[in-house]
C-alpha atoms as a PDB file:
ATOM      1  CA  MET A   1      79.477 -25.362-254.882  1.00  0.00           C
ATOM      2  CA  LYS A   2      81.546 -23.503-252.863  1.00  0.00           C
ATOM      3  CA  LYS A   3      79.873 -20.580-254.031  1.00  0.00           C
ATOM      4  CA  VAL A   4      76.690 -21.930-253.443  1.00  0.00           C
ATOM      5  CA  PHE A   5      77.298 -22.404-249.563  1.00  0.00           C
ATOM      6  CA  LEU A   6      78.998 -18.614-249.274  1.00  0.00           C
ATOM      7  CA  LEU A   7      75.939 -17.340-251.152  1.00  0.00           C
ATOM      8  CA  LEU A   8      73.765 -19.282-248.766  1.00  0.00           C
ATOM      9  CA  ALA A   9      75.546 -17.941-245.803  1.00  0.00           C
ATOM     10  CA  ALA A  10      75.265 -14.460-247.083  1.00  0.00           C
ATOM     11  CA  LEU A  11      71.545 -15.092-247.244  1.00  0.00           C
ATOM     12  CA  PHE A  12      71.019 -16.300-243.881  1.00  0.00           C
ATOM     13  CA  ILE A  13      73.189 -13.520-242.625  1.00  0.00           C
ATOM     14  CA  LEU A  14      70.527 -11.265-244.245  1.00  0.00           C
ATOM     15  CA  MET A  15      67.638 -12.593-242.736  1.00  0.00           C
ATOM     16  CA  GLY A  16      68.984 -13.046-239.575  1.00  0.00           C
ATOM     17  CA  ALA A  17      69.226  -9.328-239.337  1.00  0.00           C
ATOM     18  CA  TYR A  18      65.341  -8.990-239.270  1.00  0.00           C
ATOM     19  CA  ALA A  19      64.668 -12.017-237.561  1.00  0.00           C
ATOM     20  CA  GLN A  20      62.176 -10.238-235.499  1.00  0.00           C
ATOM     21  CA  ASP A  21      59.927  -9.173-238.118  1.00  0.00           C
ATOM     22  CA  ALA A  22      60.240 -12.417-239.627  1.00  0.00           C
ATOM     23  CA  GLN A  23      58.796 -13.431-236.625  1.00  0.00           C
ATOM     24  CA  LYS A  24      55.780 -11.245-236.967  1.00  0.00           C
ATOM     25  CA  VAL A  25      55.368 -12.142-240.868  1.00  0.00           C
ATOM     26  CA  ALA A  26      55.043 -15.948-239.269  1.00  0.00           C
ATOM     27  CA  THR A  27      52.558 -14.956-236.874  1.00  0.00           C
ATOM     28  CA  ASN A  28      50.667 -13.013-238.933  1.00  0.00           C
ATOM     29  CA  LEU A  29      50.660 -15.730-241.554  1.00  0.00           C
ATOM     30  CA  THR A  30      48.983 -18.265-239.147  1.00  0.00           C
ATOM     31  CA  ASN A  31      46.366 -15.878-238.697  1.00  0.00           C
ATOM     32  CA  TYR A  32      46.107 -14.942-242.281  1.00  0.00           C
ATOM     33  CA  VAL A  33      42.424 -13.923-243.593  1.00  0.00           C
ATOM     34  CA  LYS A  34      41.707 -12.229-246.698  1.00  0.00           C
ATOM     35  CA  THR A  35      42.345  -8.122-247.021  1.00  0.00           C
ATOM     36  CA  ASP A  36      42.113  -5.353-249.162  1.00  0.00           C
ATOM     37  CA  THR A  37      44.273  -2.910-247.008  1.00  0.00           C
ATOM     38  CA  THR A  38      47.705  -1.990-247.725  1.00  0.00           C
ATOM     39  CA  ARG A  39      49.684  -3.482-244.874  1.00  0.00           C
ATOM     40  CA  GLY A  40      49.647  -7.477-244.065  1.00  0.00           C
ATOM     41  CA  TRP A  41      48.925 -10.497-246.020  1.00  0.00           C
ATOM     42  CA  LYS A  42      47.359  -9.945-249.464  1.00  0.00           C
ATOM     43  CA  HIS A  43      46.552 -12.541-252.253  1.00  0.00           C
ATOM     44  CA  PHE A  44      45.605 -12.657-256.075  1.00  0.00           C
ATOM     45  CA  GLY A  45      45.073 -15.781-258.221  1.00  0.00           C
ATOM     46  CA  LEU A  46      44.285 -16.222-261.726  1.00  0.00           C
ATOM     47  CA  SER A  47      43.367 -19.654-263.119  1.00  0.00           C
ATOM     48  CA  ASN A  48      42.716 -19.296-266.891  1.00  0.00           C
ATOM     49  CA  LEU A  49      41.772 -21.812-269.611  1.00  0.00           C
ATOM     50  CA  THR A  50      41.913 -20.745-272.925  1.00  0.00           C
ATOM     51  CA  PHE A  51      40.791 -22.825-276.230  1.00  0.00           C
ATOM     52  CA  GLY A  52      41.069 -22.219-280.221  1.00  0.00           C
ATOM     53  CA  GLN A  53      39.536 -24.410-282.982  1.00  0.00           C
ATOM     54  CA  THR A  54      39.530 -24.573-287.007  1.00  0.00           C
ATOM     55  CA  SER A  55      37.434 -26.801-288.560  1.00  0.00           C
ATOM     56  CA  LEU A  56      37.064 -27.000-292.452  1.00  0.00           C
ATOM     57  CA  THR A  57      35.053 -29.567-294.601  1.00  0.00           C
ATOM     58  CA  ASN A  58      35.979 -29.398-298.458  1.00  0.00           C
ATOM     59  CA  TRP A  59      37.713 -26.063-298.074  1.00  0.00           C
ATOM     60  CA  ALA A  60      38.736 -25.303-301.970  1.00  0.00           C
ATOM     61  CA  ALA A  61      41.409 -22.874-300.218  1.00  0.00           C
ATOM     62  CA  GLY A  62      42.879 -25.377-298.040  1.00  0.00           C
ATOM     63  CA  GLY A  63      43.895 -25.719-294.902  1.00  0.00           C
ATOM     64  CA  ASN A  64      43.984 -28.637-291.777  1.00  0.00           C
ATOM     65  CA  ASN A  65      41.878 -28.731-288.258  1.00  0.00           C
ATOM     66  CA  SER A  66      43.156 -28.053-285.421  1.00  0.00           C
ATOM     67  CA  ILE A  67      42.145 -27.838-281.244  1.00  0.00           C
ATOM     68  CA  SER A  68      43.957 -25.940-278.858  1.00  0.00           C
ATOM     69  CA  GLY A  69      44.098 -25.649-275.587  1.00  0.00           C
ATOM     70  CA  ASP A  70      46.272 -24.064-272.718  1.00  0.00           C
ATOM     71  CA  PHE A  71      45.691 -23.870-268.983  1.00  0.00           C
ATOM     72  CA  MET A  72      47.394 -21.448-266.996  1.00  0.00           C
ATOM     73  CA  PHE A  73      47.239 -20.756-263.285  1.00  0.00           C
ATOM     74  CA  ASN A  74      48.979 -17.805-261.445  1.00  0.00           C
ATOM     75  CA  ALA A  75      49.013 -16.950-257.605  1.00  0.00           C
ATOM     76  CA  SER A  76      50.817 -14.599-255.444  1.00  0.00           C
ATOM     77  CA  LEU A  77      51.273 -14.113-251.898  1.00  0.00           C
ATOM     78  CA  ASN A  78      52.477 -11.200-250.322  1.00  0.00           C
ATOM     79  CA  TYR A  79      53.180  -9.461-247.033  1.00  0.00           C
ATOM     80  CA  LEU A  80      53.986  -6.010-246.336  1.00  0.00           C
ATOM     81  CA  ASN A  81      54.631  -3.849-242.630  1.00  0.00           C
ATOM     82  CA  ASP A  82      56.326  -0.736-242.399  1.00  0.00           C
ATOM     83  CA  LYS A  83      59.728  -2.217-242.828  1.00  0.00           C
ATOM     84  CA  VAL A  84      59.462  -5.656-244.543  1.00  0.00           C
ATOM     85  CA  PHE A  85      57.798  -7.275-247.328  1.00  0.00           C
ATOM     86  CA  TRP A  86      57.683 -10.577-248.618  1.00  0.00           C
ATOM     87  CA  ASP A  87      56.445 -11.240-252.590  1.00  0.00           C
ATOM     88  CA  ASN A  88      55.787 -14.857-253.665  1.00  0.00           C
ATOM     89  CA  ASN A  89      54.389 -15.426-257.109  1.00  0.00           C
ATOM     90  CA  LEU A  90      53.766 -18.938-258.534  1.00  0.00           C
ATOM     91  CA  THR A  91      53.431 -19.755-262.407  1.00  0.00           C
ATOM     92  CA  PHE A  92      52.186 -22.987-263.862  1.00  0.00           C
ATOM     93  CA  GLU A  93      51.333 -23.318-267.512  1.00  0.00           C
ATOM     94  CA  TYR A  94      50.395 -26.077-269.845  1.00  0.00           C
ATOM     95  CA  GLY A  95      49.197 -26.226-273.389  1.00  0.00           C
ATOM     96  CA  LEU A  96      48.242 -28.487-276.494  1.00  0.00           C
ATOM     97  CA  LEU A  97      47.957 -28.087-280.381  1.00  0.00           C
ATOM     98  CA  TYR A  98      45.888 -30.588-282.401  1.00  0.00           C
ATOM     99  CA  SER A  99      46.452 -30.593-286.270  1.00  0.00           C
ATOM    100  CA  SER A 100      45.109 -33.096-288.646  1.00  0.00           C
ATOM    101  CA  ALA A 101      48.558 -32.332-290.807  1.00  0.00           C
ATOM    102  CA  SER A 102      50.948 -33.204-288.045  1.00  0.00           C
ATOM    103  CA  VAL A 103      52.168 -36.417-287.120  1.00  0.00           C
ATOM    104  CA  PRO A 104      51.840 -36.906-283.934  1.00  0.00           C
ATOM    105  CA  ASP A 105      48.762 -35.136-283.723  1.00  0.00           C
ATOM    106  CA  TRP A 106      49.141 -33.558-280.630  1.00  0.00           C
ATOM    107  CA  MET A 107      52.256 -31.581-279.726  1.00  0.00           C
ATOM    108  CA  LYS A 108      53.075 -29.316-276.674  1.00  0.00           C
ATOM    109  CA  ALA A 109      52.589 -25.778-277.265  1.00  0.00           C
ATOM    110  CA  ALA A 110      53.279 -24.452-273.616  1.00  0.00           C
ATOM    111  CA  ASP A 111      54.835 -25.847-270.611  1.00  0.00           C
ATOM    112  CA  LYS A 112      56.335 -23.853-267.335  1.00  0.00           C
ATOM    113  CA  LEU A 113      56.696 -24.050-263.657  1.00  0.00           C
ATOM    114  CA  ASN A 114      58.018 -21.000-262.474  1.00  0.00           C
ATOM    115  CA  LEU A 115      58.479 -19.946-258.782  1.00  0.00           C
ATOM    116  CA  THR A 116      59.611 -16.744-257.449  1.00  0.00           C
ATOM    117  CA  SER A 117      60.353 -15.304-254.392  1.00  0.00           C
ATOM    118  CA  ILE A 118      61.766 -11.852-252.522  1.00  0.00           C
ATOM    119  CA  ALA A 119      62.040 -10.707-249.146  1.00  0.00           C
ATOM    120  CA  GLY A 120      63.616  -7.617-248.283  1.00  0.00           C
ATOM    121  CA  ARG A 121      64.065  -4.505-245.510  1.00  0.00           C
ATOM    122  CA  LYS A 122      63.178  -0.942-246.707  1.00  0.00           C
ATOM    123  CA  ILE A 123      65.820   1.552-246.300  1.00  0.00           C
ATOM    124  CA  SER A 124      63.644   4.480-247.893  1.00  0.00           C
ATOM    125  CA  LYS A 125      60.239   4.966-248.949  1.00  0.00           C
ATOM    126  CA  THR A 126      61.001   3.270-252.239  1.00  0.00           C
ATOM    127  CA  TRP A 127      64.208   0.859-251.754  1.00  0.00           C
ATOM    128  CA  SER A 128      64.977  -1.809-249.634  1.00  0.00           C
ATOM    129  CA  TYR A 129      67.998  -4.230-249.320  1.00  0.00           C
ATOM    130  CA  SER A 130      66.581  -7.731-250.282  1.00  0.00           C
ATOM    131  CA  ALA A 131      67.146 -11.413-251.426  1.00  0.00           C
ATOM    132  CA  MET A 132      65.675 -13.613-254.072  1.00  0.00           C
ATOM    133  CA  LEU A 133      65.107 -17.007-254.703  1.00  0.00           C
ATOM    134  CA  ASN A 134      63.704 -18.426-258.451  1.00  0.00           C
ATOM    135  CA  PHE A 135      62.964 -21.636-259.676  1.00  0.00           C
ATOM    136  CA  TYR A 136      62.174 -22.414-263.355  1.00  0.00           C
ATOM    137  CA  THR A 137      61.685 -25.544-265.186  1.00  0.00           C
ATOM    138  CA  GLN A 138      58.887 -27.232-267.449  1.00  0.00           C
ATOM    139  CA  PHE A 139      56.831 -30.891-266.834  1.00  0.00           C
ATOM    140  CA  ALA A 140      57.109 -32.588-269.955  1.00  0.00           C
ATOM    141  CA  LYS A 141      59.272 -33.661-273.137  1.00  0.00           C
ATOM    142  CA  GLY A 142      60.016 -31.261-275.663  1.00  0.00           C
ATOM    143  CA  TYR A 143      60.387 -32.019-279.484  1.00  0.00           C
ATOM    144  CA  LYS A 144      61.302 -30.405-282.437  1.00  0.00           C
ATOM    145  CA  TYR A 145      58.443 -31.348-284.135  1.00  0.00           C
ATOM    146  CA  PRO A 146      57.457 -33.062-286.403  1.00  0.00           C
ATOM    147  CA  THR A 147      59.772 -35.445-285.558  1.00  0.00           C
ATOM    148  CA  THR A 148      59.521 -36.970-282.036  1.00  0.00           C
ATOM    149  CA  ASP A 149      62.507 -39.556-282.322  1.00  0.00           C
ATOM    150  CA  LYS A 150      64.341 -37.301-280.349  1.00  0.00           C
ATOM    151  CA  TYR A 151      63.503 -35.201-277.525  1.00  0.00           C
ATOM    152  CA  PHE A 152      65.733 -31.753-276.247  1.00  0.00           C
ATOM    153  CA  SER A 153      64.015 -31.100-273.108  1.00  0.00           C
ATOM    154  CA  ASN A 154      62.568 -32.745-270.108  1.00  0.00           C
ATOM    155  CA  LEU A 155      61.731 -32.327-266.414  1.00  0.00           C
ATOM    156  CA  MET A 156      64.906 -30.448-264.717  1.00  0.00           C
ATOM    157  CA  ALA A 157      66.695 -30.602-268.230  1.00  0.00           C
ATOM    158  CA  PRO A 158      66.776 -27.618-268.216  1.00  0.00           C
ATOM    159  CA  GLY A 159      65.974 -26.631-264.387  1.00  0.00           C
ATOM    160  CA  TYR A 160      67.288 -23.324-263.081  1.00  0.00           C
ATOM    161  CA  LEU A 161      67.648 -22.412-259.678  1.00  0.00           C
ATOM    162  CA  GLU A 162      68.585 -18.890-258.194  1.00  0.00           C
ATOM    163  CA  LEU A 163      69.687 -17.392-255.274  1.00  0.00           C
ATOM    164  CA  ALA A 164      70.759 -13.556-255.079  1.00  0.00           C
ATOM    165  CA  LEU A 165      71.258 -10.645-252.876  1.00  0.00           C
ATOM    166  CA  GLY A 166      70.566  -7.029-253.987  1.00  0.00           C
ATOM    167  CA  PHE A 167      67.964  -4.151-253.860  1.00  0.00           C
ATOM    168  CA  THR A 168      64.484  -3.773-254.683  1.00  0.00           C
ATOM    169  CA  TYR A 169      62.850  -0.612-256.087  1.00  0.00           C
ATOM    170  CA  LYS A 170      59.386  -0.814-255.269  1.00  0.00           C
ATOM    171  CA  PRO A 171      57.138   2.791-255.631  1.00  0.00           C
ATOM    172  CA  ASN A 172      53.813   0.998-255.146  1.00  0.00           C
ATOM    173  CA  ASP A 173      51.931  -2.222-255.159  1.00  0.00           C
ATOM    174  CA  ARG A 174      52.034  -2.434-259.172  1.00  0.00           C
ATOM    175  CA  TYR A 175      55.734  -2.122-260.002  1.00  0.00           C
ATOM    176  CA  SER A 176      59.273  -3.453-258.468  1.00  0.00           C
ATOM    177  CA  ALA A 177      62.597  -4.195-259.863  1.00  0.00           C
ATOM    178  CA  PHE A 178      64.734  -6.338-258.335  1.00  0.00           C
ATOM    179  CA  ILE A 179      68.625  -5.610-258.889  1.00  0.00           C
ATOM    180  CA  SER A 180      71.268  -8.076-257.688  1.00  0.00           C
ATOM    181  CA  PRO A 181      75.163  -7.448-258.377  1.00  0.00           C
ATOM    182  CA  LEU A 182      75.801 -11.012-256.982  1.00  0.00           C
ATOM    183  CA  ALA A 183      73.685 -14.112-257.791  1.00  0.00           C
ATOM    184  CA  GLU A 184      74.167 -17.486-258.097  1.00  0.00           C
ATOM    185  CA  ARG A 185      72.910 -19.557-260.880  1.00  0.00           C
ATOM    186  CA  ALA A 186      72.420 -23.271-261.111  1.00  0.00           C
ATOM    187  CA  THR A 187      71.582 -24.988-264.485  1.00  0.00           C
ATOM    188  CA  PHE A 188      70.132 -28.666-263.478  1.00  0.00           C
ATOM    189  CA  VAL A 189      70.463 -31.064-266.768  1.00  0.00           C
ATOM    190  CA  LEU A 190      68.865 -34.216-264.725  1.00  0.00           C
ATOM    191  CA  ASP A 191      67.848 -36.228-267.640  1.00  0.00           C
ATOM    192  CA  ASP A 192      71.142 -38.556-268.544  1.00  0.00           C
ATOM    193  CA  SER A 193      70.920 -38.722-272.251  1.00  0.00           C
ATOM    194  CA  LEU A 194      70.564 -34.980-272.434  1.00  0.00           C
ATOM    195  CA  SER A 195      73.601 -34.239-269.759  1.00  0.00           C
ATOM    196  CA  THR A 196      75.712 -36.814-271.477  1.00  0.00           C
ATOM    197  CA  ALA A 197      75.128 -35.054-274.835  1.00  0.00           C
ATOM    198  CA  GLY A 198      76.237 -31.986-273.312  1.00  0.00           C
ATOM    199  CA  VAL A 199      72.664 -30.298-274.377  1.00  0.00           C
ATOM    200  CA  PHE A 200      72.777 -27.217-271.992  1.00  0.00           C
ATOM    201  CA  GLY A 201      76.070 -27.156-270.568  1.00  0.00           C
ATOM    202  CA  ASP A 202      79.281 -29.288-270.506  1.00  0.00           C
ATOM    203  CA  PRO A 203      78.644 -33.004-271.576  1.00  0.00           C
ATOM    204  CA  GLY A 204      78.327 -35.509-268.771  1.00  0.00           C
ATOM    205  CA  LYS A 205      77.914 -32.608-266.151  1.00  0.00           C
ATOM    206  CA  LYS A 206      74.107 -32.613-264.479  1.00  0.00           C
ATOM    207  CA  VAL A 207      74.720 -29.352-262.516  1.00  0.00           C
ATOM    208  CA  ILE A 208      76.122 -26.137-263.751  1.00  0.00           C
ATOM    209  CA  PHE A 209      77.167 -23.278-261.556  1.00  0.00           C
ATOM    210  CA  GLN A 210      77.337 -19.554-262.828  1.00  0.00           C
ATOM    211  CA  THR A 211      78.255 -16.164-260.798  1.00  0.00           C
ATOM    212  CA  GLY A 212      76.540 -13.260-262.125  1.00  0.00           C
ATOM    213  CA  ALA A 213      74.317 -10.417-262.161  1.00  0.00           C
ATOM    214  CA  VAL A 214      70.380 -10.572-262.340  1.00  0.00           C
ATOM    215  CA  VAL A 215      67.673  -7.795-262.856  1.00  0.00           C
ATOM    216  CA  ILE A 216      63.548  -8.883-262.424  1.00  0.00           C
ATOM    217  CA  ALA A 217      61.408  -6.108-263.133  1.00  0.00           C
ATOM    218  CA  THR A 218      57.575  -6.911-262.823  1.00  0.00           C
ATOM    219  CA  ALA A 219      54.151  -4.657-263.365  1.00  0.00           C
ATOM    220  CA  ASN A 220      50.824  -6.142-262.466  1.00  0.00           C
ATOM    221  CA  GLN A 221      48.163  -3.406-262.845  1.00  0.00           C
ATOM    222  CA  SER A 222      44.605  -2.686-264.251  1.00  0.00           C
ATOM    223  CA  LEU A 223      44.326  -0.734-267.476  1.00  0.00           C
ATOM    224  CA  SER A 224      40.556   0.004-267.231  1.00  0.00           C
ATOM    225  CA  LYS A 225      37.864  -1.908-265.459  1.00  0.00           C
ATOM    226  CA  ASP A 226      37.844  -5.117-267.445  1.00  0.00           C
ATOM    227  CA  LEU A 227      41.294  -5.225-268.880  1.00  0.00           C
ATOM    228  CA  SER A 228      44.209  -6.193-266.834  1.00  0.00           C
ATOM    229  CA  LEU A 229      48.045  -6.551-267.600  1.00  0.00           C
ATOM    230  CA  LYS A 230      50.702  -8.715-265.955  1.00  0.00           C
ATOM    231  CA  SER A 231      54.336  -8.386-267.165  1.00  0.00           C
ATOM    232  CA  SER A 232      57.555 -10.040-265.808  1.00  0.00           C
ATOM    233  CA  LEU A 233      61.172  -9.238-267.076  1.00  0.00           C
ATOM    234  CA  TYR A 234      64.008 -11.315-266.306  1.00  0.00           C
ATOM    235  CA  LEU A 235      67.691 -10.421-267.030  1.00  0.00           C
ATOM    236  CA  PHE A 236      70.968 -12.248-266.552  1.00  0.00           C
ATOM    237  CA  THR A 237      74.345 -12.267-267.316  1.00  0.00           C
ATOM    238  CA  PRO A 238      77.419 -14.189-266.007  1.00  0.00           C
ATOM    239  CA  TYR A 239      80.661 -13.140-264.661  1.00  0.00           C
ATOM    240  CA  SER A 240      82.517 -14.896-267.086  1.00  0.00           C
ATOM    241  CA  LYS A 241      83.622 -14.641-270.654  1.00  0.00           C
ATOM    242  CA  ASP A 242      80.337 -14.722-271.672  1.00  0.00           C
ATOM    243  CA  PHE A 243      79.867 -11.511-269.662  1.00  0.00           C
ATOM    244  CA  GLY A 244      77.440  -9.362-271.831  1.00  0.00           C
ATOM    245  CA  HIS A 245      75.836 -12.266-272.903  1.00  0.00           C
ATOM    246  CA  ILE A 246      72.396 -11.425-271.400  1.00  0.00           C
ATOM    247  CA  ASP A 247      70.020 -14.607-270.949  1.00  0.00           C
ATOM    248  CA  VAL A 248      66.410 -12.976-271.466  1.00  0.00           C
ATOM    249  CA  ASN A 249      62.901 -14.077-270.220  1.00  0.00           C
ATOM    250  CA  TRP A 250      59.965 -11.600-270.758  1.00  0.00           C
ATOM    251  CA  ASP A 251      55.812 -12.776-269.936  1.00  0.00           C
ATOM    252  CA  LEU A 252      53.175 -10.752-270.726  1.00  0.00           C
ATOM    253  CA  PHE A 253      49.491 -11.594-270.010  1.00  0.00           C
ATOM    254  CA  LEU A 254      46.542  -9.330-271.001  1.00  0.00           C
ATOM    255  CA  ASN A 255      43.106 -10.501-269.903  1.00  0.00           C
ATOM    256  CA  TYR A 256      39.950  -8.901-270.631  1.00  0.00           C
ATOM    257  CA  LYS A 257      36.991  -9.493-269.137  1.00  0.00           C
ATOM    258  CA  ILE A 258      33.672 -10.031-271.029  1.00  0.00           C
ATOM    259  CA  ASN A 259      31.780 -11.168-268.370  1.00  0.00           C
ATOM    260  CA  LYS A 260      31.567 -13.333-264.866  1.00  0.00           C
ATOM    261  CA  LEU A 261      33.403 -16.269-266.201  1.00  0.00           C
ATOM    262  CA  LEU A 262      34.201 -15.596-270.097  1.00  0.00           C
ATOM    263  CA  THR A 263      37.657 -13.858-270.911  1.00  0.00           C
ATOM    264  CA  ALA A 264      39.530 -13.018-273.663  1.00  0.00           C
ATOM    265  CA  SER A 265      43.316 -13.160-273.149  1.00  0.00           C
ATOM    266  CA  LEU A 266      46.676 -12.473-275.118  1.00  0.00           C
ATOM    267  CA  ASN A 267      49.525 -14.746-273.470  1.00  0.00           C
ATOM    268  CA  THR A 268      53.345 -14.209-274.770  1.00  0.00           C
ATOM    269  CA  THR A 269      56.632 -15.179-273.624  1.00  0.00           C
ATOM    270  CA  LEU A 270      59.632 -13.668-275.482  1.00  0.00           C
ATOM    271  CA  ARG A 271      62.883 -15.855-274.610  1.00  0.00           C
ATOM    272  CA  TYR A 272      66.830 -15.897-275.461  1.00  0.00           C
ATOM    273  CA  TYR A 273      68.694 -18.550-273.590  1.00  0.00           C
ATOM    274  CA  GLU A 274      71.923 -18.777-275.613  1.00  0.00           C
ATOM    275  CA  LYS A 275      72.584 -22.596-273.725  1.00  0.00           C
ATOM    276  CA  GLU A 276      68.884 -23.335-275.127  1.00  0.00           C
ATOM    277  CA  ILE A 277      69.195 -22.264-278.479  1.00  0.00           C
ATOM    278  CA  THR A 278      70.785 -19.023-280.615  1.00  0.00           C
ATOM    279  CA  LYS A 279      67.955 -17.757-281.441  1.00  0.00           C
ATOM    280  CA  VAL A 280      65.227 -15.625-280.158  1.00  0.00           C
ATOM    281  CA  GLN A 281      62.264 -17.525-278.997  1.00  0.00           C
ATOM    282  CA  PHE A 282      58.632 -16.310-279.060  1.00  0.00           C
ATOM    283  CA  LYS A 283      55.444 -17.420-278.316  1.00  0.00           C
ATOM    284  CA  GLU A 284      52.024 -16.040-278.467  1.00  0.00           C
ATOM    285  CA  ILE A 285      48.580 -17.571-277.454  1.00  0.00           C
ATOM    286  CA  PHE A 286      45.763 -15.929-278.132  1.00  0.00           C
ATOM    287  CA  GLY A 287      41.834 -17.143-277.512  1.00  0.00           C
ATOM    288  CA  LEU A 288      38.759 -17.377-275.469  1.00  0.00           C
ATOM    289  CA  GLY A 289      38.110 -19.295-272.492  1.00  0.00           C
ATOM    290  CA  LEU A 290      37.035 -19.456-268.950  1.00  0.00           C
ATOM    291  CA  ALA A 291      39.063 -17.675-266.262  1.00  0.00           C
ATOM    292  CA  TYR A 292      38.386 -17.542-262.097  1.00  0.00           C
ATOM    293  CA  LYS A 293      39.880 -14.926-260.045  1.00  0.00           C
ATOM    294  CA  PHE A 294      40.728 -15.304-256.171  1.00  0.00           C
END
């Protein structure tokens, strides 16, 4: 707990170093209007509803009827002036899969809530010293299907909250990398049965603290007139006997605009967290659906 207090104190000192610029940020946010200029506030958002369906009747080759649906919402609110930047990104995703051959019929296929906020002050054209806050969890219980008699995850079990000090490399609006040699991560297991079993850490502990290093790299660009890409790579290693054991989360989203509302999308996540499972996790959702940008 002392580590967290020390890191919070350092964050306050860093933010206080540019309090005057922060006051300008708050004033501009109050008078916020959408703009396409390179300075001031800019926002971007995409909501995407994707469907998949398989129907078989007397099909000799075999198979099962299935339906899938996935909803994804991503929004960014970013500020930039001559010296200060503040980037905020929120991602929400939830998906279900129905199969006539499974019990239960409906299964959770995707479940994520992620908020990342990075603020910094420039020290050169492309580098800034910065502070980062990152929050990650899921909403609903997760099961090792096909059985549902015992769940292995839940809301804030696990949940991750990180505070970090470091440097940001940002050559343009499309790419950025946050590098921190000083990060404090709190892992929450607030579900009583999961914390007692020690599923994501020490048995009986509902909060586990780790000090380590973190890297977050993002890309957001248009590959063509109708094809856009958004990617986010997260890496963390603790300063402990597990140093060098890297937690990895890589999200990739490709969106192809067919017309004003209809899109084809590919959404993948590659994840490796030893405390969750000692295997590489991979999720891929491809389908047609409706999309709305703002």
